[in-house]
C-alpha atoms as a PDB file:
ATOM      1  CA  MET A   1      -2.317   5.946   2.819  1.00  0.00           C
ATOM      2  CA  ILE A   2      -1.925   2.399   2.260  1.00  0.00           C
ATOM      3  CA  VAL A   3      -0.415   1.723   5.767  1.00  0.00           C
ATOM      4  CA  GLU A   4      -3.364   3.670   7.163  1.00  0.00           C
ATOM      5  CA  LYS A   5      -5.900   1.502   5.174  1.00  0.00           C
ATOM      6  CA  GLY A   6      -4.277  -1.545   7.138  1.00  0.00           C
ATOM      7  CA  LEU A   7      -5.707  -0.160  10.261  1.00  0.00           C
ATOM      8  CA  LEU A   8      -9.368  -0.342   8.932  1.00  0.00           C
ATOM      9  CA  THR A   9     -11.848  -3.019   9.547  1.00  0.00           C
ATOM     10  CA  LYS A  10     -13.314  -4.887   6.641  1.00  0.00           C
ATOM     11  CA  GLU A  11     -16.668  -2.824   6.937  1.00  0.00           C
ATOM     12  CA  GLU A  12     -14.429   0.353   7.153  1.00  0.00           C
ATOM     13  CA  GLN A  13     -12.550  -0.664   3.964  1.00  0.00           C
ATOM     14  CA  ASP A  14     -15.877  -1.375   2.012  1.00  0.00           C
ATOM     15  CA  ILE A  15     -17.231   2.073   3.202  1.00  0.00           C
ATOM     16  CA  VAL A  16     -14.054   3.881   2.254  1.00  0.00           C
ATOM     17  CA  ALA A  17     -14.074   1.937  -1.209  1.00  0.00           C
ATOM     18  CA  LYS A  18     -17.713   3.023  -1.816  1.00  0.00           C
ATOM     19  CA  LEU A  19     -16.741   6.675  -0.954  1.00  0.00           C
ATOM     20  CA  GLU A  20     -13.767   6.528  -3.333  1.00  0.00           C
ATOM     21  CA  THR A  21     -15.951   5.359  -6.093  1.00  0.00           C
ATOM     22  CA  GLU A  22     -18.495   8.077  -5.339  1.00  0.00           C
ATOM     23  CA  MET A  23     -15.557  10.689  -5.595  1.00  0.00           C
ATOM     24  CA  LEU A  24     -15.364   9.705  -9.433  1.00  0.00           C
ATOM     25  CA  SER A  25     -18.857  10.641 -10.001  1.00  0.00           C
ATOM     26  CA  ALA A  26     -18.950  13.658  -7.633  1.00  0.00           C
ATOM     27  CA  LEU A  27     -20.690  16.674  -9.617  1.00  0.00           C
ATOM     28  CA  THR A  28     -19.390  19.507  -7.524  1.00  0.00           C
ATOM     29  CA  LEU A  29     -16.175  20.331  -5.628  1.00  0.00           C
ATOM     30  CA  ALA A  30     -18.276  20.450  -2.591  1.00  0.00           C
ATOM     31  CA  HIS A  31     -19.410  16.806  -3.076  1.00  0.00           C
ATOM     32  CA  LEU A  32     -15.695  15.819  -3.751  1.00  0.00           C
ATOM     33  CA  ASN A  33     -14.708  17.578  -0.473  1.00  0.00           C
ATOM     34  CA  PHE A  34     -17.376  15.779   1.460  1.00  0.00           C
ATOM     35  CA  TYR A  35     -16.311  12.270   0.398  1.00  0.00           C
ATOM     36  CA  LYS A  36     -12.694  13.223   0.975  1.00  0.00           C
ATOM     37  CA  ASN A  37     -13.472  14.271   4.579  1.00  0.00           C
ATOM     38  CA  GLU A  38     -15.525  11.388   5.276  1.00  0.00           C
ATOM     39  CA  ILE A  39     -12.725   9.019   4.330  1.00  0.00           C
ATOM     40  CA  LYS A  40     -10.273  11.210   6.539  1.00  0.00           C
ATOM     41  CA  MET A  41     -12.705  10.783   9.450  1.00  0.00           C
ATOM     42  CA  ILE A  42     -12.788   6.996   8.972  1.00  0.00           C
ATOM     43  CA  ILE A  43      -9.001   6.792   8.952  1.00  0.00           C
ATOM     44  CA  SER A  44      -8.575   9.112  11.716  1.00  0.00           C
ATOM     45  CA  GLN A  45     -10.919   6.928  13.878  1.00  0.00           C
ATOM     46  CA  ALA A  46      -9.083   3.974  12.818  1.00  0.00           C
ATOM     47  CA  LYS A  47      -5.812   5.387  13.982  1.00  0.00           C
ATOM     48  CA  ARG A  48      -7.235   6.573  17.406  1.00  0.00           C
ATOM     49  CA  ARG A  49      -8.676   3.031  17.849  1.00  0.00           C
ATOM     50  CA  HIS A  50      -5.309   1.438  16.836  1.00  0.00           C
ATOM     51  CA  GLN A  51      -3.454   3.851  19.322  1.00  0.00           C
ATOM     52  CA  PHE A  52      -5.910   2.850  22.161  1.00  0.00           C
ATOM     53  CA  PHE A  53      -5.317  -0.831  21.738  1.00  0.00           C
ATOM     54  CA  LEU A  54      -1.652  -0.191  21.756  1.00  0.00           C
ATOM     55  CA  ASN A  55      -1.741   1.902  24.935  1.00  0.00           C
ATOM     56  CA  TYR A  56      -3.967  -0.803  26.416  1.00  0.00           C
ATOM     57  CA  SER A  57      -1.804  -3.600  25.418  1.00  0.00           C
ATOM     58  CA  LYS A  58       1.239  -1.742  27.073  1.00  0.00           C
ATOM     59  CA  GLU A  59      -0.694  -1.270  30.285  1.00  0.00           C
ATOM     60  CA  VAL A  60      -1.802  -4.988  30.396  1.00  0.00           C
ATOM     61  CA  ASN A  61       1.953  -6.290  29.662  1.00  0.00           C
ATOM     62  CA  ALA A  62       3.561  -3.827  32.077  1.00  0.00           C
END
């Protein structure tokens, strides 16, 4: 997960940190799962963005 966090922008890192903090005070399992899923979605989008830029740079350099 540390490598994945390296793909995040500063704003995304701040949001993930806030969500992780909120997870500690979650009252129910539903709340915990919500925060966890939000973090997963943010990381997934960062991975997609990273892959897009890799593919784009390959096309430009080809």
